[in-house]
C-alpha atoms as a PDB file:
ATOM      1  CA  MET A   1      23.592 -27.807 -61.337  1.00  0.00           C
ATOM      2  CA  LEU A   2      25.949 -26.503 -64.021  1.00  0.00           C
ATOM      3  CA  ASN A   3      28.178 -29.580 -63.729  1.00  0.00           C
ATOM      4  CA  ASP A   4      25.115 -31.807 -64.019  1.00  0.00           C
ATOM      5  CA  LEU A   5      24.224 -29.993 -67.255  1.00  0.00           C
ATOM      6  CA  GLY A   6      27.644 -30.733 -68.775  1.00  0.00           C
ATOM      7  CA  TYR A   7      29.458 -27.497 -68.028  1.00  0.00           C
ATOM      8  CA  ASP A   8      32.976 -27.365 -66.586  1.00  0.00           C
ATOM      9  CA  VAL A   9      32.755 -24.848 -63.771  1.00  0.00           C
ATOM     10  CA  VAL A  10      35.396 -22.461 -62.469  1.00  0.00           C
ATOM     11  CA  GLU A  11      34.154 -20.845 -59.279  1.00  0.00           C
ATOM     12  CA  ALA A  12      35.099 -17.422 -57.957  1.00  0.00           C
ATOM     13  CA  GLY A  13      34.186 -16.061 -54.539  1.00  0.00           C
ATOM     14  CA  SER A  14      33.644 -12.522 -55.812  1.00  0.00           C
ATOM     15  CA  ALA A  15      33.469 -10.475 -58.974  1.00  0.00           C
ATOM     16  CA  GLU A  16      36.956  -9.202 -58.313  1.00  0.00           C
ATOM     17  CA  GLU A  17      38.268 -12.769 -57.999  1.00  0.00           C
ATOM     18  CA  ALA A  18      36.548 -13.680 -61.271  1.00  0.00           C
ATOM     19  CA  LEU A  19      38.304 -10.820 -63.038  1.00  0.00           C
ATOM     20  CA  GLN A  20      41.635 -11.913 -61.529  1.00  0.00           C
ATOM     21  CA  LEU A  21      41.072 -15.406 -62.925  1.00  0.00           C
ATOM     22  CA  ILE A  22      40.408 -13.899 -66.368  1.00  0.00           C
ATOM     23  CA  GLU A  23      43.526 -11.756 -66.129  1.00  0.00           C
ATOM     24  CA  GLY A  24      45.415 -14.925 -65.155  1.00  0.00           C
ATOM     25  CA  GLY A  25      44.407 -16.645 -68.367  1.00  0.00           C
ATOM     26  CA  VAL A  26      41.073 -18.340 -67.666  1.00  0.00           C
ATOM     27  CA  VAL A  27      38.843 -17.911 -70.723  1.00  0.00           C
ATOM     28  CA  PRO A  28      35.256 -18.849 -69.838  1.00  0.00           C
ATOM     29  CA  ALA A  29      32.772 -19.941 -72.469  1.00  0.00           C
ATOM     30  CA  ILE A  30      29.942 -18.374 -70.452  1.00  0.00           C
ATOM     31  CA  LEU A  31      29.545 -16.234 -67.324  1.00  0.00           C
ATOM     32  CA  VAL A  32      26.885 -17.229 -64.815  1.00  0.00           C
ATOM     33  CA  THR A  33      26.864 -14.819 -61.890  1.00  0.00           C
ATOM     34  CA  ASP A  34      24.716 -13.786 -58.990  1.00  0.00           C
ATOM     35  CA  HIS A  35      23.541 -10.205 -59.192  1.00  0.00           C
ATOM     36  CA  LEU A  36      23.925  -9.083 -55.582  1.00  0.00           C
ATOM     37  CA  MET A  37      27.463  -9.525 -54.309  1.00  0.00           C
ATOM     38  CA  PRO A  38      29.696  -7.475 -52.029  1.00  0.00           C
ATOM     39  CA  GLY A  39      31.581  -4.883 -54.028  1.00  0.00           C
ATOM     40  CA  MET A  40      30.870  -5.219 -57.727  1.00  0.00           C
ATOM     41  CA  ASN A  41      27.421  -6.576 -58.682  1.00  0.00           C
ATOM     42  CA  GLY A  42      26.694  -9.089 -61.423  1.00  0.00           C
ATOM     43  CA  GLU A  43      25.849  -6.505 -64.048  1.00  0.00           C
ATOM     44  CA  GLU A  44      29.068  -4.597 -63.355  1.00  0.00           C
ATOM     45  CA  LEU A  45      31.024  -7.850 -63.618  1.00  0.00           C
ATOM     46  CA  ALA A  46      29.352  -8.686 -66.921  1.00  0.00           C
ATOM     47  CA  ARG A  47      30.089  -5.242 -68.370  1.00  0.00           C
ATOM     48  CA  SER A  48      33.698  -5.363 -67.187  1.00  0.00           C
ATOM     49  CA  LEU A  49      34.210  -8.842 -68.583  1.00  0.00           C
ATOM     50  CA  ARG A  50      32.676  -7.876 -71.907  1.00  0.00           C
ATOM     51  CA  THR A  51      35.326  -5.176 -72.371  1.00  0.00           C
ATOM     52  CA  ARG A  52      37.848  -8.048 -72.419  1.00  0.00           C
ATOM     53  CA  LEU A  53      35.659 -10.714 -74.063  1.00  0.00           C
ATOM     54  CA  PRO A  54      32.944  -8.867 -76.012  1.00  0.00           C
ATOM     55  CA  GLU A  55      31.107 -11.965 -77.255  1.00  0.00           C
ATOM     56  CA  ILE A  56      30.876 -13.834 -73.925  1.00  0.00           C
ATOM     57  CA  PRO A  57      27.362 -15.032 -73.118  1.00  0.00           C
ATOM     58  CA  VAL A  58      26.164 -13.893 -69.703  1.00  0.00           C
ATOM     59  CA  LEU A  59      23.442 -15.111 -67.354  1.00  0.00           C
ATOM     60  CA  ILE A  60      22.697 -13.135 -64.219  1.00  0.00           C
ATOM     61  CA  VAL A  61      20.918 -14.948 -61.413  1.00  0.00           C
ATOM     62  CA  SER A  62      18.894 -12.901 -58.940  1.00  0.00           C
ATOM     63  CA  GLY A  63      16.820 -13.739 -55.882  1.00  0.00           C
ATOM     64  CA  TYR A  64      14.571 -10.769 -56.508  1.00  0.00           C
ATOM     65  CA  ALA A  65      11.522 -11.241 -58.704  1.00  0.00           C
ATOM     66  CA  GLU A  66      11.802  -7.727 -60.056  1.00  0.00           C
ATOM     67  CA  ALA A  67      15.476  -8.190 -60.975  1.00  0.00           C
ATOM     68  CA  GLU A  68      15.794  -4.532 -60.048  1.00  0.00           C
ATOM     69  CA  GLY A  69      18.895  -2.869 -61.380  1.00  0.00           C
ATOM     70  CA  ILE A  70      19.670  -5.432 -64.089  1.00  0.00           C
ATOM     71  CA  ALA A  71      19.728  -3.941 -67.561  1.00  0.00           C
ATOM     72  CA  PRO A  72      17.183  -5.525 -69.914  1.00  0.00           C
ATOM     73  CA  ASP A  73      19.884  -6.502 -72.430  1.00  0.00           C
ATOM     74  CA  LEU A  74      21.394  -9.002 -69.979  1.00  0.00           C
ATOM     75  CA  PRO A  75      19.736 -12.409 -69.703  1.00  0.00           C
ATOM     76  CA  ARG A  76      18.593 -13.216 -66.183  1.00  0.00           C
ATOM     77  CA  LEU A  77      17.068 -16.020 -64.183  1.00  0.00           C
ATOM     78  CA  THR A  78      15.167 -15.470 -60.952  1.00  0.00           C
ATOM     79  CA  LYS A  79      15.766 -17.719 -57.941  1.00  0.00           C
ATOM     80  CA  PRO A  80      14.506 -20.185 -57.000  1.00  0.00           C
ATOM     81  CA  PHE A  81      14.624 -22.096 -60.272  1.00  0.00           C
ATOM     82  CA  ARG A  82      14.637 -25.697 -61.352  1.00  0.00           C
ATOM     83  CA  ASN A  83      17.382 -27.499 -63.212  1.00  0.00           C
ATOM     84  CA  ALA A  84      15.218 -27.560 -66.358  1.00  0.00           C
ATOM     85  CA  GLU A  85      14.744 -23.778 -66.235  1.00  0.00           C
ATOM     86  CA  LEU A  86      18.501 -23.236 -65.938  1.00  0.00           C
ATOM     87  CA  ALA A  87      19.151 -25.659 -68.795  1.00  0.00           C
ATOM     88  CA  ASP A  88      16.614 -23.897 -71.007  1.00  0.00           C
ATOM     89  CA  ARG A  89      18.011 -20.433 -70.328  1.00  0.00           C
ATOM     90  CA  LEU A  90      21.595 -21.559 -70.896  1.00  0.00           C
ATOM     91  CA  GLU A  91      20.680 -23.346 -74.118  1.00  0.00           C
ATOM     92  CA  ARG A  92      19.168 -20.114 -75.418  1.00  0.00           C
ATOM     93  CA  ILE A  93      22.285 -18.041 -74.775  1.00  0.00           C
ATOM     94  CA  HIS A  94      25.024 -20.663 -75.176  1.00  0.00           C
ATOM     95  CA  PRO A  95      24.184 -24.028 -76.730  1.00  0.00           C
ATOM     96  CA  LEU A  96      26.593 -26.759 -75.618  1.00  0.00           C
ATOM     97  CA  GLN A  97      28.725 -28.180 -78.395  1.00  0.00           C
ATOM     98  CA  PRO A  98      28.869 -31.979 -78.697  1.00  0.00           C
END
């Protein structure tokens, strides 16, 4: 879905792998992460990444309607969602540059 919306995507299999990619020189324009993952959750990943890149926009995706455990200051999107909903949320936190 992100590719279809014009984003170049770098995938990581875990929060720890994402942080390793950052330490290796990858500089993402935006972080889109699932909330529930083995080890570090999406909020923990976002907070850790923001110590390195304080201005990075973040979107946490969760399969739980309550989005339990996600701080209110972090944008979130509840699964399932449509492409248009993802596009709208991303546009609000990180408008694509032409």
